[in-house]
């Protein structure tokens, strides 16, 4: 599900106060990290992920891969932190139309 620009702005506002729930270190993107991201998205719908110790292009590729693997939308990238949104079965966030 792709979010619209209006919905993306709304989600950025909600994500602003959030702290990163998942931190990716030097080990990179492993299966256990992807499982933790999937679990966090199921419980929270909107999360932040911090990617440490990578070059800008590598961070971007890693954030894109997280979005692809988890089925989430990458709604925000600021430095080392990416914000992801994926609706869960019980909708916690009401998006504007």
Protein backbone atom coordinates (compact mmCIF):
# COMPACT_ATOMS: atom_id res chain seq x y z
CA UNK A 1 0.00 0.00 0.00
CA UNK A 2 1.54 3.30 -1.05
CA UNK A 3 0.76 6.32 1.09
CA UNK A 4 -0.16 9.64 -0.49
CA UNK A 5 1.82 12.84 0.07
CA UNK A 6 -0.78 14.10 2.53
CA UNK A 7 -0.61 10.86 4.50
CA UNK A 8 3.21 10.92 4.39
CA UNK A 9 3.24 14.44 5.90
CA UNK A 10 0.85 13.28 8.62
CA UNK A 11 3.01 10.24 9.41
CA UNK A 12 6.17 12.39 9.53
CA UNK A 13 4.47 14.54 12.16
CA UNK A 14 3.59 11.49 14.22
CA UNK A 15 7.08 10.01 13.84
CA UNK A 16 8.82 13.20 14.92
CA UNK A 17 8.50 12.42 18.65
CA UNK A 18 9.27 8.70 18.34
CA UNK A 19 12.58 7.18 19.38
CA UNK A 20 14.22 4.50 17.20
CA UNK A 21 12.94 1.04 18.17
CA UNK A 22 15.46 -0.97 16.16
CA UNK A 23 19.17 -0.18 15.87
CA UNK A 24 21.28 -1.73 13.11
CA UNK A 25 24.99 -1.91 13.94
CA UNK A 26 28.10 -3.19 12.19
CA UNK A 27 26.57 -6.65 11.63
CA UNK A 28 24.21 -5.10 9.11
CA UNK A 29 20.77 -6.30 8.13
CA UNK A 30 20.34 -9.87 9.38
CA UNK A 31 17.31 -12.15 9.49
CA UNK A 32 16.87 -11.51 13.22
CA UNK A 33 16.89 -7.73 12.66
CA UNK A 34 14.28 -8.08 9.90
CA UNK A 35 12.16 -10.25 12.22
CA UNK A 36 12.39 -7.61 14.96
CA UNK A 37 11.39 -4.87 12.50
CA UNK A 38 8.43 -6.97 11.33
CA UNK A 39 7.37 -7.55 14.94
CA UNK A 40 7.68 -3.84 15.81
CA UNK A 41 5.66 -2.82 12.74
CA UNK A 42 2.91 -5.27 13.67
CA UNK A 43 2.64 -3.79 17.17
CA UNK A 44 3.20 -0.09 16.46
CA UNK A 45 2.51 0.47 12.70
CA UNK A 46 4.92 3.45 12.69
CA UNK A 47 8.53 2.94 13.80
CA UNK A 48 11.96 4.47 13.43
CA UNK A 49 15.10 2.47 12.61
CA UNK A 50 18.64 3.74 13.22
CA UNK A 51 21.38 2.56 10.83
CA UNK A 52 24.87 3.18 12.23
CA UNK A 53 28.32 3.10 10.69
CA UNK A 54 27.46 3.14 6.98
CA UNK A 55 28.07 5.47 4.07
CA UNK A 56 25.11 7.49 2.79
CA UNK A 57 24.51 5.27 -0.26
CA UNK A 58 24.77 2.12 1.86
CA UNK A 59 22.28 3.51 4.41
CA UNK A 60 19.84 4.39 1.64
CA UNK A 61 20.15 0.90 0.12
CA UNK A 62 19.66 -0.71 3.54
CA UNK A 63 16.57 1.40 4.30
CA UNK A 64 15.12 0.56 0.87
CA UNK A 65 15.77 -3.14 1.48
CA UNK A 66 14.03 -2.94 4.87
CA UNK A 67 11.00 -1.36 3.20
CA UNK A 68 10.97 -4.03 0.50
CA UNK A 69 11.46 -6.99 2.85
CA UNK A 70 8.94 -5.82 5.45
CA UNK A 71 6.30 -4.53 3.04
CA UNK A 72 6.38 -1.14 4.76
CA UNK A 73 6.48 2.37 3.33
CA UNK A 74 9.60 4.42 3.99
CA UNK A 75 7.99 7.70 5.04
CA UNK A 76 10.98 9.64 6.35
CA UNK A 77 14.78 9.64 6.22
CA UNK A 78 16.76 12.00 8.39
CA UNK A 79 20.47 11.24 8.62
CA UNK A 80 20.92 7.77 10.07
CA UNK A 81 17.24 7.29 10.95
CA UNK A 82 14.43 6.00 8.73
CA UNK A 83 10.72 6.03 9.55
CA UNK A 84 8.56 3.13 8.37
CA UNK A 85 4.79 2.67 8.26
CA UNK A 86 2.81 -0.51 7.68
CA UNK A 87 -0.83 -0.87 8.70
CA UNK A 88 -1.52 -3.76 11.05
CA UNK A 89 -4.61 -5.93 11.27
CA UNK A 90 -5.98 -3.69 14.05
CA UNK A 91 -5.62 -0.18 12.67
CA UNK A 92 -3.95 1.97 15.32
CA UNK A 93 -3.35 5.04 13.15
CA UNK A 94 -6.18 6.69 11.22
CA UNK A 95 -4.69 8.19 8.08
CA UNK A 96 -6.22 11.27 6.46
CA UNK A 97 -7.79 10.68 3.05
